[in-house]
Amino acid sequence: MSEFLSKKRKVLRAAALCITVMMLFLSTNQSATVFAASNVEFVILNSYSKTMKIGDEQYLLAITSNGKKPSFSSSDSKIASVNTYGKITAKKPGTVKITAKIRNGEASCTVKVQKTKLQLSAKEIRLENGQSARLKVSSSTGHPVTYKSSKKSIATVDKDGMITARKPGSAVITATVDKISESCKVTVKKPAVSISKRSVSLYRKQTVRLTVKSTSVSVPKWKSNKKSVASVDQKGVVTAVKNGSAIITVTVDGVSKSCEVTVKKPVVKFAESEITMAKGEVRKVNVSVSSGNKPVFSSSNSSIASVDENGVISANEPGKAYIYAKEDGVKSRQRVIVT
């Protein structure tokens, strides 16, 4: 009889303890999942469900009927892990059960790890080459953001989300927080380009500077399709080389504009078609060249009449000779009679 009364008192004490603890920890009306063995061992938790964000850490408190520290375990540590002290760490979206266990009793807490939500300041950005724009990102966790460009040759992005256009085309900027990503499409527009002249006429050795206007910050690139006719430097200065036609092209970020350059044939004309000189006489030729360039002089017979580079004729011996003046492939002549 006394043995029966002793067992009864033990059961009543355990039941009283259970009721007291439940009143303390379950005042929030949470529903508990408790598994107890026949010897009335049990575990009571301070929470039976939790909602956490990735990176959050929270403690799960447990009271056991035997007063011993329970062991904690997670049904999926990749979603949420728990250490020996009941500290839960949320790692990735999903739902797990965190269990506190003693020898003959256990209780579980359902933990839901929320998916991180991202919001970008823009889903699409259009820029001129050289322009910059900042992509702002807000996340539900407030964790650091990492940025990446799909095509750095078109648009780059720094650690603060500052996007810089590099050349025309499209690139995707990806912002990532907690392994969750959102994207923004960046379009680098082709620039508007104009050239100061569409055609120009020059004589050999003459120059003209072409200018370009562009909405891009890129340095224009100049090119001649016939350098033997007209050359161009990288400042747009065109120099006529010889008569003919050439196309000067300026290119900015793949957009080109052209100017046709015509190098004109000069008119070379002597004031007199024929002159008479006495032997030993010296005379300077009278010749005009429309280009303003100095012609190249020559004689058909220097023993009769010679000419220097400045067009000074020397009558050497009686006879007849021709004095030539040549400029840019155009030649004219004057007859000289030496008496």
C-alpha atoms as a PDB file:
ATOM      1  CA  MET A   1       0.000   0.000   0.000  1.00  0.00           C
ATOM      2  CA  SER A   2       2.785   2.427   0.890  1.00  0.00           C
ATOM      3  CA  GLU A   3       4.578   1.669  -2.400  1.00  0.00           C
ATOM      4  CA  PHE A   4       1.392   2.565  -4.289  1.00  0.00           C
ATOM      5  CA  LEU A   5       1.049   5.873  -2.405  1.00  0.00           C
ATOM      6  CA  SER A   6       4.714   6.706  -3.126  1.00  0.00           C
ATOM      7  CA  LYS A   7       4.243   6.239  -6.905  1.00  0.00           C
ATOM      8  CA  LYS A   8       1.069   8.281  -6.786  1.00  0.00           C
ATOM      9  CA  ARG A   9       2.849  11.195  -5.078  1.00  0.00           C
ATOM     10  CA  LYS A  10       5.583  11.160  -7.733  1.00  0.00           C
ATOM     11  CA  VAL A  11       3.023  11.354 -10.536  1.00  0.00           C
ATOM     12  CA  LEU A  12       1.187  14.231  -8.820  1.00  0.00           C
ATOM     13  CA  ARG A  13       4.421  16.191  -8.315  1.00  0.00           C
ATOM     14  CA  ALA A  14       5.365  15.747 -11.993  1.00  0.00           C
ATOM     15  CA  ALA A  15       1.877  16.805 -13.079  1.00  0.00           C
ATOM     16  CA  ALA A  16       2.020  19.907 -10.867  1.00  0.00           C
ATOM     17  CA  LEU A  17       5.417  20.848 -12.278  1.00  0.00           C
ATOM     18  CA  CYS A  18       4.151  20.368 -15.813  1.00  0.00           C
ATOM     19  CA  ILE A  19       1.110  22.598 -15.192  1.00  0.00           C
ATOM     20  CA  THR A  20       3.236  25.336 -13.580  1.00  0.00           C
ATOM     21  CA  VAL A  21       5.794  25.441 -16.393  1.00  0.00           C
ATOM     22  CA  MET A  22       3.099  25.380 -19.058  1.00  0.00           C
ATOM     23  CA  MET A  23       1.371  28.335 -17.421  1.00  0.00           C
ATOM     24  CA  LEU A  24       4.648  30.249 -17.440  1.00  0.00           C
ATOM     25  CA  PHE A  25       5.742  29.529 -20.987  1.00  0.00           C
ATOM     26  CA  LEU A  26       2.534  29.006 -22.875  1.00  0.00           C
ATOM     27  CA  SER A  27       0.718  32.184 -21.859  1.00  0.00           C
ATOM     28  CA  THR A  28       0.934  33.298 -25.502  1.00  0.00           C
ATOM     29  CA  ASN A  29      -1.466  30.521 -26.529  1.00  0.00           C
ATOM     30  CA  GLN A  30       1.166  28.643 -28.579  1.00  0.00           C
ATOM     31  CA  SER A  31       0.348  25.033 -29.306  1.00  0.00           C
ATOM     32  CA  ALA A  32       3.055  22.685 -28.080  1.00  0.00           C
ATOM     33  CA  THR A  33       4.152  19.389 -29.568  1.00  0.00           C
ATOM     34  CA  VAL A  34       5.466  17.342 -26.666  1.00  0.00           C
ATOM     35  CA  PHE A  35       6.459  13.707 -26.638  1.00  0.00           C
ATOM     36  CA  ALA A  36       6.804  12.178 -23.200  1.00  0.00           C
ATOM     37  CA  ALA A  37       7.683   8.699 -22.110  1.00  0.00           C
ATOM     38  CA  SER A  38       5.655   6.723 -19.586  1.00  0.00           C
ATOM     39  CA  ASN A  39       7.899   7.844 -16.764  1.00  0.00           C
ATOM     40  CA  VAL A  40       6.660  11.416 -17.315  1.00  0.00           C
ATOM     41  CA  GLU A  41       9.873  12.984 -18.761  1.00  0.00           C
ATOM     42  CA  PHE A  42       9.122  15.947 -20.957  1.00  0.00           C
ATOM     43  CA  VAL A  43      10.543  19.093 -22.614  1.00  0.00           C
ATOM     44  CA  ILE A  44       8.885  22.499 -22.716  1.00  0.00           C
ATOM     45  CA  LEU A  45      10.060  25.190 -25.169  1.00  0.00           C
ATOM     46  CA  ASN A  46       9.643  28.942 -25.014  1.00  0.00           C
ATOM     47  CA  SER A  47       8.504  28.903 -28.656  1.00  0.00           C
ATOM     48  CA  TYR A  48       7.044  26.282 -30.953  1.00  0.00           C
ATOM     49  CA  SER A  49       7.190  28.270 -34.168  1.00  0.00           C
ATOM     50  CA  LYS A  50       9.523  30.959 -35.403  1.00  0.00           C
ATOM     51  CA  THR A  51       9.817  33.064 -38.542  1.00  0.00           C
ATOM     52  CA  MET A  52      13.353  34.206 -39.294  1.00  0.00           C
ATOM     53  CA  LYS A  53      15.269  36.071 -41.977  1.00  0.00           C
ATOM     54  CA  ILE A  54      18.446  34.754 -43.530  1.00  0.00           C
ATOM     55  CA  GLY A  55      21.342  35.548 -41.214  1.00  0.00           C
ATOM     56  CA  ASP A  56      19.136  35.963 -38.132  1.00  0.00           C
ATOM     57  CA  GLU A  57      20.160  34.281 -34.893  1.00  0.00           C
ATOM     58  CA  GLN A  58      17.695  33.415 -32.135  1.00  0.00           C
ATOM     59  CA  TYR A  59      17.815  31.224 -29.039  1.00  0.00           C
ATOM     60  CA  LEU A  60      15.375  28.397 -28.406  1.00  0.00           C
ATOM     61  CA  LEU A  61      14.940  27.997 -24.633  1.00  0.00           C
ATOM     62  CA  ALA A  62      13.984  24.616 -23.187  1.00  0.00           C
ATOM     63  CA  ILE A  63      12.984  23.341 -19.721  1.00  0.00           C
ATOM     64  CA  THR A  64      13.209  19.643 -19.036  1.00  0.00           C
ATOM     65  CA  SER A  65      11.401  17.612 -16.379  1.00  0.00           C
ATOM     66  CA  ASN A  66      14.641  15.993 -15.261  1.00  0.00           C
ATOM     67  CA  GLY A  67      16.482  19.342 -15.076  1.00  0.00           C
ATOM     68  CA  LYS A  68      19.119  18.234 -17.534  1.00  0.00           C
ATOM     69  CA  LYS A  69      20.281  20.202 -20.570  1.00  0.00           C
ATOM     70  CA  PRO A  70      18.644  18.838 -23.743  1.00  0.00           C
ATOM     71  CA  SER A  71      20.407  18.105 -26.996  1.00  0.00           C
ATOM     72  CA  PHE A  72      19.365  20.251 -29.955  1.00  0.00           C
ATOM     73  CA  SER A  73      19.151  19.164 -33.573  1.00  0.00           C
ATOM     74  CA  SER A  74      17.903  20.533 -36.905  1.00  0.00           C
ATOM     75  CA  SER A  75      16.007  18.564 -39.525  1.00  0.00           C
ATOM     76  CA  ASP A  76      17.980  20.447 -42.202  1.00  0.00           C
ATOM     77  CA  SER A  77      21.086  22.362 -41.173  1.00  0.00           C
ATOM     78  CA  LYS A  78      21.396  23.888 -44.645  1.00  0.00           C
ATOM     79  CA  ILE A  79      18.198  25.847 -43.969  1.00  0.00           C
ATOM     80  CA  ALA A  80      18.722  26.553 -40.265  1.00  0.00           C
ATOM     81  CA  SER A  81      21.324  25.163 -37.907  1.00  0.00           C
ATOM     82  CA  VAL A  82      21.282  24.987 -34.104  1.00  0.00           C
ATOM     83  CA  ASN A  83      24.176  24.724 -31.664  1.00  0.00           C
ATOM     84  CA  THR A  84      24.384  22.933 -28.324  1.00  0.00           C
ATOM     85  CA  TYR A  85      23.011  25.988 -26.525  1.00  0.00           C
ATOM     86  CA  GLY A  86      19.892  26.239 -28.688  1.00  0.00           C
ATOM     87  CA  LYS A  87      21.098  29.156 -30.823  1.00  0.00           C
ATOM     88  CA  ILE A  88      19.377  28.923 -34.199  1.00  0.00           C
ATOM     89  CA  THR A  89      21.038  30.444 -37.281  1.00  0.00           C
ATOM     90  CA  ALA A  90      18.905  30.982 -40.403  1.00  0.00           C
ATOM     91  CA  LYS A  91      20.813  30.179 -43.599  1.00  0.00           C
ATOM     92  CA  LYS A  92      18.506  29.892 -46.587  1.00  0.00           C
ATOM     93  CA  PRO A  93      14.762  29.939 -47.380  1.00  0.00           C
ATOM     94  CA  GLY A  94      12.777  26.923 -46.232  1.00  0.00           C
ATOM     95  CA  THR A  95      11.150  25.260 -43.222  1.00  0.00           C
ATOM     96  CA  VAL A  96      12.830  23.043 -40.619  1.00  0.00           C
ATOM     97  CA  LYS A  97      12.144  21.533 -37.234  1.00  0.00           C
ATOM     98  CA  ILE A  98      14.477  22.312 -34.358  1.00  0.00           C
ATOM     99  CA  THR A  99      14.186  19.591 -31.730  1.00  0.00           C
ATOM    100  CA  ALA A 100      15.202  19.674 -28.075  1.00  0.00           C
ATOM    101  CA  LYS A 101      15.529  16.155 -26.678  1.00  0.00           C
ATOM    102  CA  ILE A 102      16.226  14.335 -23.415  1.00  0.00           C
ATOM    103  CA  ARG A 103      16.307  10.592 -22.880  1.00  0.00           C
ATOM    104  CA  ASN A 104      12.565   9.936 -22.785  1.00  0.00           C
ATOM    105  CA  GLY A 105      11.068  13.182 -24.007  1.00  0.00           C
ATOM    106  CA  GLU A 106      11.408  15.806 -26.733  1.00  0.00           C
ATOM    107  CA  ALA A 107       9.730  18.878 -28.190  1.00  0.00           C
ATOM    108  CA  SER A 108      10.096  20.644 -31.550  1.00  0.00           C
ATOM    109  CA  CYS A 109       9.901  24.176 -32.874  1.00  0.00           C
ATOM    110  CA  THR A 110       8.987  24.799 -36.500  1.00  0.00           C
ATOM    111  CA  VAL A 111      11.283  27.425 -38.021  1.00  0.00           C
ATOM    112  CA  LYS A 112      10.405  29.151 -41.277  1.00  0.00           C
ATOM    113  CA  VAL A 113      13.277  31.015 -42.946  1.00  0.00           C
ATOM    114  CA  GLN A 114      11.907  33.709 -45.237  1.00  0.00           C
ATOM    115  CA  LYS A 115      13.235  34.322 -48.725  1.00  0.00           C
ATOM    116  CA  THR A 116      15.094  37.632 -48.924  1.00  0.00           C
ATOM    117  CA  LYS A 117      13.209  40.237 -50.913  1.00  0.00           C
ATOM    118  CA  LEU A 118      15.114  42.666 -53.126  1.00  0.00           C
ATOM    119  CA  GLN A 119      13.929  45.906 -54.672  1.00  0.00           C
ATOM    120  CA  LEU A 120      15.970  47.735 -57.328  1.00  0.00           C
ATOM    121  CA  SER A 121      15.716  51.455 -58.001  1.00  0.00           C
ATOM    122  CA  ALA A 122      15.437  50.628 -61.720  1.00  0.00           C
ATOM    123  CA  LYS A 123      14.888  47.554 -63.877  1.00  0.00           C
ATOM    124  CA  GLU A 124      16.251  49.250 -66.985  1.00  0.00           C
ATOM    125  CA  ILE A 125      18.751  52.080 -67.481  1.00  0.00           C
ATOM    126  CA  ARG A 126      19.784  53.850 -70.705  1.00  0.00           C
ATOM    127  CA  LEU A 127      23.085  55.730 -70.858  1.00  0.00           C
ATOM    128  CA  GLU A 128      25.370  57.492 -73.295  1.00  0.00           C
ATOM    129  CA  ASN A 129      28.922  56.198 -73.371  1.00  0.00           C
ATOM    130  CA  GLY A 130      30.860  57.675 -70.452  1.00  0.00           C
ATOM    131  CA  GLN A 131      27.765  58.462 -68.425  1.00  0.00           C
ATOM    132  CA  SER A 132      27.192  56.945 -64.991  1.00  0.00           C
ATOM    133  CA  ALA A 133      24.145  56.045 -62.914  1.00  0.00           C
ATOM    134  CA  ARG A 134      23.806  54.463 -59.495  1.00  0.00           C
ATOM    135  CA  LEU A 135      21.663  51.364 -59.041  1.00  0.00           C
ATOM    136  CA  LYS A 136      20.186  51.376 -55.531  1.00  0.00           C
ATOM    137  CA  VAL A 137      19.087  48.151 -53.849  1.00  0.00           C
ATOM    138  CA  SER A 138      16.989  47.620 -50.730  1.00  0.00           C
ATOM    139  CA  SER A 139      16.583  44.188 -49.174  1.00  0.00           C
ATOM    140  CA  SER A 140      14.380  42.732 -46.473  1.00  0.00           C
ATOM    141  CA  THR A 141      17.451  41.688 -44.472  1.00  0.00           C
ATOM    142  CA  GLY A 142      19.548  44.798 -45.018  1.00  0.00           C
ATOM    143  CA  HIS A 143      22.567  42.621 -45.725  1.00  0.00           C
ATOM    144  CA  PRO A 144      25.413  43.785 -48.008  1.00  0.00           C
ATOM    145  CA  VAL A 145      24.810  43.765 -51.759  1.00  0.00           C
ATOM    146  CA  THR A 146      27.201  42.421 -54.378  1.00  0.00           C
ATOM    147  CA  TYR A 147      27.044  43.655 -57.973  1.00  0.00           C
ATOM    148  CA  LYS A 148      28.131  42.047 -61.224  1.00  0.00           C
ATOM    149  CA  SER A 149      28.069  43.037 -64.904  1.00  0.00           C
ATOM    150  CA  SER A 150      27.452  40.470 -67.623  1.00  0.00           C
ATOM    151  CA  LYS A 151      29.568  42.519 -70.095  1.00  0.00           C
ATOM    152  CA  LYS A 152      32.222  44.727 -68.555  1.00  0.00           C
ATOM    153  CA  SER A 153      33.271  45.955 -72.001  1.00  0.00           C
ATOM    154  CA  ILE A 154      29.832  47.606 -72.316  1.00  0.00           C
ATOM    155  CA  ALA A 155      29.038  48.638 -68.739  1.00  0.00           C
ATOM    156  CA  THR A 156      30.925  48.224 -65.477  1.00  0.00           C
ATOM    157  CA  VAL A 157      29.570  48.406 -61.932  1.00  0.00           C
ATOM    158  CA  ASP A 158      31.458  49.076 -58.704  1.00  0.00           C
ATOM    159  CA  LYS A 159      30.835  47.819 -55.167  1.00  0.00           C
ATOM    160  CA  ASP A 160      28.458  50.709 -54.492  1.00  0.00           C
ATOM    161  CA  GLY A 161      26.264  50.004 -57.527  1.00  0.00           C
ATOM    162  CA  MET A 162      27.678  52.839 -59.667  1.00  0.00           C
ATOM    163  CA  ILE A 163      27.255  51.841 -63.312  1.00  0.00           C
ATOM    164  CA  THR A 164      29.545  53.370 -65.965  1.00  0.00           C
ATOM    165  CA  ALA A 165      28.837  53.042 -69.686  1.00  0.00           C
ATOM    166  CA  ARG A 166      31.850  51.912 -71.752  1.00  0.00           C
ATOM    167  CA  LYS A 167      30.582  51.409 -75.300  1.00  0.00           C
ATOM    168  CA  PRO A 168      27.266  50.950 -77.139  1.00  0.00           C
ATOM    169  CA  GLY A 169      25.447  47.694 -76.486  1.00  0.00           C
ATOM    170  CA  SER A 170      23.523  45.936 -73.722  1.00  0.00           C
ATOM    171  CA  ALA A 171      24.632  44.464 -70.421  1.00  0.00           C
ATOM    172  CA  VAL A 172      22.862  43.005 -67.396  1.00  0.00           C
ATOM    173  CA  ILE A 173      23.775  44.258 -63.938  1.00  0.00           C
ATOM    174  CA  THR A 174      22.960  41.688 -61.253  1.00  0.00           C
ATOM    175  CA  ALA A 175      22.508  42.601 -57.582  1.00  0.00           C
ATOM    176  CA  THR A 176      22.731  39.737 -55.089  1.00  0.00           C
ATOM    177  CA  VAL A 177      21.845  39.570 -51.390  1.00  0.00           C
ATOM    178  CA  ASP A 178      21.775  36.293 -49.448  1.00  0.00           C
ATOM    179  CA  LYS A 179      22.166  34.380 -52.747  1.00  0.00           C
ATOM    180  CA  ILE A 180      18.955  36.011 -54.035  1.00  0.00           C
ATOM    181  CA  SER A 181      19.437  38.054 -57.211  1.00  0.00           C
ATOM    182  CA  GLU A 182      17.620  40.712 -59.195  1.00  0.00           C
ATOM    183  CA  SER A 183      18.742  42.218 -62.503  1.00  0.00           C
ATOM    184  CA  CYS A 184      18.771  45.551 -64.277  1.00  0.00           C
ATOM    185  CA  LYS A 185      19.247  45.843 -68.038  1.00  0.00           C
ATOM    186  CA  VAL A 186      21.664  48.574 -69.093  1.00  0.00           C
ATOM    187  CA  THR A 187      21.568  49.892 -72.645  1.00  0.00           C
ATOM    188  CA  VAL A 188      24.459  52.067 -73.769  1.00  0.00           C
ATOM    189  CA  LYS A 189      23.076  54.113 -76.650  1.00  0.00           C
ATOM    190  CA  LYS A 190      24.881  54.834 -79.893  1.00  0.00           C
ATOM    191  CA  PRO A 191      25.933  58.480 -79.850  1.00  0.00           C
ATOM    192  CA  ALA A 192      24.674  61.260 -82.080  1.00  0.00           C
ATOM    193  CA  VAL A 193      27.613  62.290 -84.278  1.00  0.00           C
ATOM    194  CA  SER A 194      27.987  65.180 -86.725  1.00  0.00           C
ATOM    195  CA  ILE A 195      30.942  66.467 -88.756  1.00  0.00           C
ATOM    196  CA  SER A 196      31.652  70.125 -89.587  1.00  0.00           C
ATOM    197  CA  LYS A 197      31.968  69.603 -93.370  1.00  0.00           C
ATOM    198  CA  ARG A 198      30.593  66.986 -95.738  1.00  0.00           C
ATOM    199  CA  SER A 199      32.846  68.030 -98.635  1.00  0.00           C
ATOM    200  CA  VAL A 200      35.860  70.276 -99.137  1.00  0.00           C
ATOM    201  CA  SER A 201      38.204  71.253-102.003  1.00  0.00           C
ATOM    202  CA  LEU A 202      41.908  71.890-101.540  1.00  0.00           C
ATOM    203  CA  TYR A 203      45.102  72.322-103.460  1.00  0.00           C
ATOM    204  CA  ARG A 204      48.190  70.266-102.658  1.00  0.00           C
ATOM    205  CA  LYS A 205      49.764  71.187 -99.297  1.00  0.00           C
ATOM    206  CA  GLN A 206      46.676  73.038 -98.176  1.00  0.00           C
ATOM    207  CA  THR A 207      45.073  71.996 -94.889  1.00  0.00           C
ATOM    208  CA  VAL A 208      41.675  72.196 -93.264  1.00  0.00           C
ATOM    209  CA  ARG A 209      40.555  71.139 -89.829  1.00  0.00           C
ATOM    210  CA  LEU A 210      37.380  69.112 -89.534  1.00  0.00           C
ATOM    211  CA  THR A 211      35.552  69.110 -86.228  1.00  0.00           C
ATOM    212  CA  VAL A 212      33.121  66.599 -84.786  1.00  0.00           C
ATOM    213  CA  LYS A 213      30.288  66.911 -82.303  1.00  0.00           C
ATOM    214  CA  SER A 214      29.212  63.860 -80.326  1.00  0.00           C
ATOM    215  CA  THR A 215      27.058  62.969 -77.354  1.00  0.00           C
ATOM    216  CA  SER A 216      29.728  60.460 -76.322  1.00  0.00           C
ATOM    217  CA  VAL A 217      32.825  61.199 -74.277  1.00  0.00           C
ATOM    218  CA  SER A 218      34.866  58.793 -76.405  1.00  0.00           C
ATOM    219  CA  VAL A 219      37.770  60.195 -78.404  1.00  0.00           C
ATOM    220  CA  PRO A 220      36.913  60.378 -82.141  1.00  0.00           C
ATOM    221  CA  LYS A 221      39.029  58.279 -84.509  1.00  0.00           C
ATOM    222  CA  TRP A 222      39.949  59.767 -87.898  1.00  0.00           C
ATOM    223  CA  LYS A 223      40.873  57.881 -91.062  1.00  0.00           C
ATOM    224  CA  SER A 224      41.548  58.555 -94.749  1.00  0.00           C
ATOM    225  CA  ASN A 225      40.715  55.968 -97.386  1.00  0.00           C
ATOM    226  CA  LYS A 226      43.499  57.376 -99.657  1.00  0.00           C
ATOM    227  CA  LYS A 227      46.429  58.705 -97.722  1.00  0.00           C
ATOM    228  CA  SER A 228      48.278  59.336-100.990  1.00  0.00           C
ATOM    229  CA  VAL A 229      45.622  61.952-101.872  1.00  0.00           C
ATOM    230  CA  ALA A 230      44.728  63.408 -98.473  1.00  0.00           C
ATOM    231  CA  SER A 231      45.909  62.494 -94.991  1.00  0.00           C
ATOM    232  CA  VAL A 232      44.291  63.275 -91.635  1.00  0.00           C
ATOM    233  CA  ASP A 233      45.692  63.350 -88.097  1.00  0.00           C
ATOM    234  CA  GLN A 234      43.854  62.443 -84.907  1.00  0.00           C
ATOM    235  CA  LYS A 235      42.899  66.084 -84.369  1.00  0.00           C
ATOM    236  CA  GLY A 236      40.949  66.118 -87.638  1.00  0.00           C
ATOM    237  CA  VAL A 237      43.507  68.187 -89.592  1.00  0.00           C
ATOM    238  CA  VAL A 238      43.350  67.193 -93.261  1.00  0.00           C
ATOM    239  CA  THR A 239      46.384  67.754 -95.514  1.00  0.00           C
ATOM    240  CA  ALA A 240      46.101  67.604 -99.308  1.00  0.00           C
ATOM    241  CA  VAL A 241      48.884  65.422-100.760  1.00  0.00           C
ATOM    242  CA  LYS A 242      48.129  65.265-104.491  1.00  0.00           C
ATOM    243  CA  ASN A 243      45.218  65.817-106.857  1.00  0.00           C
ATOM    244  CA  GLY A 244      42.408  63.300-106.620  1.00  0.00           C
ATOM    245  CA  SER A 245      39.604  62.401-104.208  1.00  0.00           C
ATOM    246  CA  ALA A 246      39.649  60.867-100.740  1.00  0.00           C
ATOM    247  CA  ILE A 247      37.097  60.155 -98.038  1.00  0.00           C
ATOM    248  CA  ILE A 248      37.900  61.299 -94.524  1.00  0.00           C
ATOM    249  CA  THR A 249      35.918  59.349 -91.907  1.00  0.00           C
ATOM    250  CA  VAL A 250      35.470  60.068 -88.228  1.00  0.00           C
ATOM    251  CA  THR A 251      34.151  57.305 -85.967  1.00  0.00           C
ATOM    252  CA  VAL A 252      32.794  57.573 -82.437  1.00  0.00           C
ATOM    253  CA  ASP A 253      31.679  54.384 -80.684  1.00  0.00           C
ATOM    254  CA  GLY A 254      30.938  52.679 -83.996  1.00  0.00           C
ATOM    255  CA  VAL A 255      29.033  55.626 -85.487  1.00  0.00           C
ATOM    256  CA  SER A 256      30.784  57.176 -88.511  1.00  0.00           C
ATOM    257  CA  LYS A 257      30.463  60.387 -90.507  1.00  0.00           C
ATOM    258  CA  SER A 258      32.407  61.264 -93.654  1.00  0.00           C
ATOM    259  CA  CYS A 259      33.754  64.211 -95.608  1.00  0.00           C
ATOM    260  CA  GLU A 260      34.765  64.000 -99.271  1.00  0.00           C
ATOM    261  CA  VAL A 261      38.044  65.779 -99.952  1.00  0.00           C
ATOM    262  CA  THR A 262      38.871  66.844-103.510  1.00  0.00           C
ATOM    263  CA  VAL A 263      42.448  67.849-104.155  1.00  0.00           C
ATOM    264  CA  LYS A 264      42.204  70.069-107.236  1.00  0.00           C
ATOM    265  CA  LYS A 265      44.612  70.159-110.158  1.00  0.00           C
ATOM    266  CA  PRO A 266      46.372  73.513-110.233  1.00  0.00           C
ATOM    267  CA  VAL A 267      46.531  75.847-113.208  1.00  0.00           C
ATOM    268  CA  VAL A 268      50.140  76.543-114.221  1.00  0.00           C
ATOM    269  CA  LYS A 269      50.539  79.380-116.730  1.00  0.00           C
ATOM    270  CA  PHE A 270      53.472  81.325-118.100  1.00  0.00           C
ATOM    271  CA  ALA A 271      52.894  85.009-118.808  1.00  0.00           C
ATOM    272  CA  GLU A 272      54.562  84.527-122.197  1.00  0.00           C
ATOM    273  CA  SER A 273      54.654  81.405-124.308  1.00  0.00           C
ATOM    274  CA  GLU A 274      57.983  82.405-125.867  1.00  0.00           C
ATOM    275  CA  ILE A 275      60.865  84.691-124.949  1.00  0.00           C
ATOM    276  CA  THR A 276      64.130  85.668-126.629  1.00  0.00           C
ATOM    277  CA  MET A 277      67.323  86.050-124.649  1.00  0.00           C
ATOM    278  CA  ALA A 278      70.873  87.046-125.568  1.00  0.00           C
ATOM    279  CA  LYS A 279      73.706  84.728-124.708  1.00  0.00           C
ATOM    280  CA  GLY A 280      74.799  85.358-121.150  1.00  0.00           C
ATOM    281  CA  GLU A 281      71.540  86.992-120.208  1.00  0.00           C
ATOM    282  CA  VAL A 282      69.774  85.997-116.952  1.00  0.00           C
ATOM    283  CA  ARG A 283      66.037  86.375-116.469  1.00  0.00           C
ATOM    284  CA  LYS A 284      63.460  85.169-113.933  1.00  0.00           C
ATOM    285  CA  VAL A 285      60.474  83.387-115.397  1.00  0.00           C
ATOM    286  CA  ASN A 286      57.029  84.918-115.050  1.00  0.00           C
ATOM    287  CA  VAL A 287      54.702  82.030-114.164  1.00  0.00           C
ATOM    288  CA  SER A 288      51.556  81.793-112.054  1.00  0.00           C
ATOM    289  CA  VAL A 289      50.333  78.727-110.157  1.00  0.00           C
ATOM    290  CA  SER A 290      46.724  78.721-108.901  1.00  0.00           C
ATOM    291  CA  SER A 291      47.579  76.584-105.872  1.00  0.00           C
ATOM    292  CA  GLY A 292      50.132  79.140-104.686  1.00  0.00           C
ATOM    293  CA  ASN A 293      52.736  76.407-104.451  1.00  0.00           C
ATOM    294  CA  LYS A 294      56.197  76.839-105.901  1.00  0.00           C
ATOM    295  CA  PRO A 295      56.551  74.835-109.116  1.00  0.00           C
ATOM    296  CA  VAL A 296      59.453  72.593-110.038  1.00  0.00           C
ATOM    297  CA  PHE A 297      61.444  74.013-112.953  1.00  0.00           C
ATOM    298  CA  SER A 298      63.383  72.124-115.587  1.00  0.00           C
ATOM    299  CA  SER A 299      64.918  72.675-119.022  1.00  0.00           C
ATOM    300  CA  SER A 300      64.690  70.584-122.147  1.00  0.00           C
ATOM    301  CA  ASN A 301      68.293  71.550-123.015  1.00  0.00           C
ATOM    302  CA  SER A 302      70.392  73.036-120.266  1.00  0.00           C
ATOM    303  CA  SER A 303      73.361  73.663-122.554  1.00  0.00           C
ATOM    304  CA  ILE A 304      71.261  76.249-124.375  1.00  0.00           C
ATOM    305  CA  ALA A 305      69.092  77.535-121.506  1.00  0.00           C
ATOM    306  CA  SER A 306      69.253  76.366-117.922  1.00  0.00           C
ATOM    307  CA  VAL A 307      66.906  77.180-115.037  1.00  0.00           C
ATOM    308  CA  ASP A 308      67.418  76.978-111.286  1.00  0.00           C
ATOM    309  CA  GLU A 309      64.948  75.986-108.554  1.00  0.00           C
ATOM    310  CA  ASN A 310      63.803  79.586-108.223  1.00  0.00           C
ATOM    311  CA  GLY A 311      62.910  79.926-111.904  1.00  0.00           C
ATOM    312  CA  VAL A 312      65.935  81.992-112.936  1.00  0.00           C
ATOM    313  CA  ILE A 313      66.834  81.254-116.588  1.00  0.00           C
ATOM    314  CA  SER A 314      70.415  81.526-117.851  1.00  0.00           C
ATOM    315  CA  ALA A 315      71.010  81.837-121.602  1.00  0.00           C
ATOM    316  CA  ASN A 316      74.112  79.706-122.264  1.00  0.00           C
ATOM    317  CA  GLU A 317      74.468  79.100-126.010  1.00  0.00           C
ATOM    318  CA  PRO A 318      72.524  80.157-129.115  1.00  0.00           C
ATOM    319  CA  GLY A 319      69.650  77.858-129.867  1.00  0.00           C
ATOM    320  CA  LYS A 320      66.160  76.879-128.750  1.00  0.00           C
ATOM    321  CA  ALA A 321      65.007  75.177-125.511  1.00  0.00           C
ATOM    322  CA  TYR A 322      61.884  74.770-123.416  1.00  0.00           C
ATOM    323  CA  ILE A 323      61.595  75.763-119.772  1.00  0.00           C
ATOM    324  CA  TYR A 324      59.041  73.684-117.829  1.00  0.00           C
ATOM    325  CA  ALA A 325      57.112  74.520-114.671  1.00  0.00           C
ATOM    326  CA  LYS A 326      55.459  71.576-112.942  1.00  0.00           C
ATOM    327  CA  GLU A 327      53.108  71.478-109.951  1.00  0.00           C
ATOM    328  CA  ASP A 328      51.101  68.475-108.685  1.00  0.00           C
ATOM    329  CA  GLY A 329      51.370  66.624-111.983  1.00  0.00           C
ATOM    330  CA  VAL A 330      50.408  69.635-114.117  1.00  0.00           C
ATOM    331  CA  LYS A 331      53.164  70.907-116.433  1.00  0.00           C
ATOM    332  CA  SER A 332      53.395  74.032-118.568  1.00  0.00           C
ATOM    333  CA  ARG A 333      56.205  75.220-120.837  1.00  0.00           C
ATOM    334  CA  GLN A 334      57.775  78.330-122.242  1.00  0.00           C
ATOM    335  CA  ARG A 335      59.969  78.444-125.381  1.00  0.00           C
ATOM    336  CA  VAL A 336      63.321  80.174-124.995  1.00  0.00           C
ATOM    337  CA  ILE A 337      65.330  81.388-128.006  1.00  0.00           C
ATOM    338  CA  VAL A 338      68.938  82.257-127.233  1.00  0.00           C
ATOM    339  CA  THR A 339      70.638  84.516-129.779  1.00  0.00           C
END
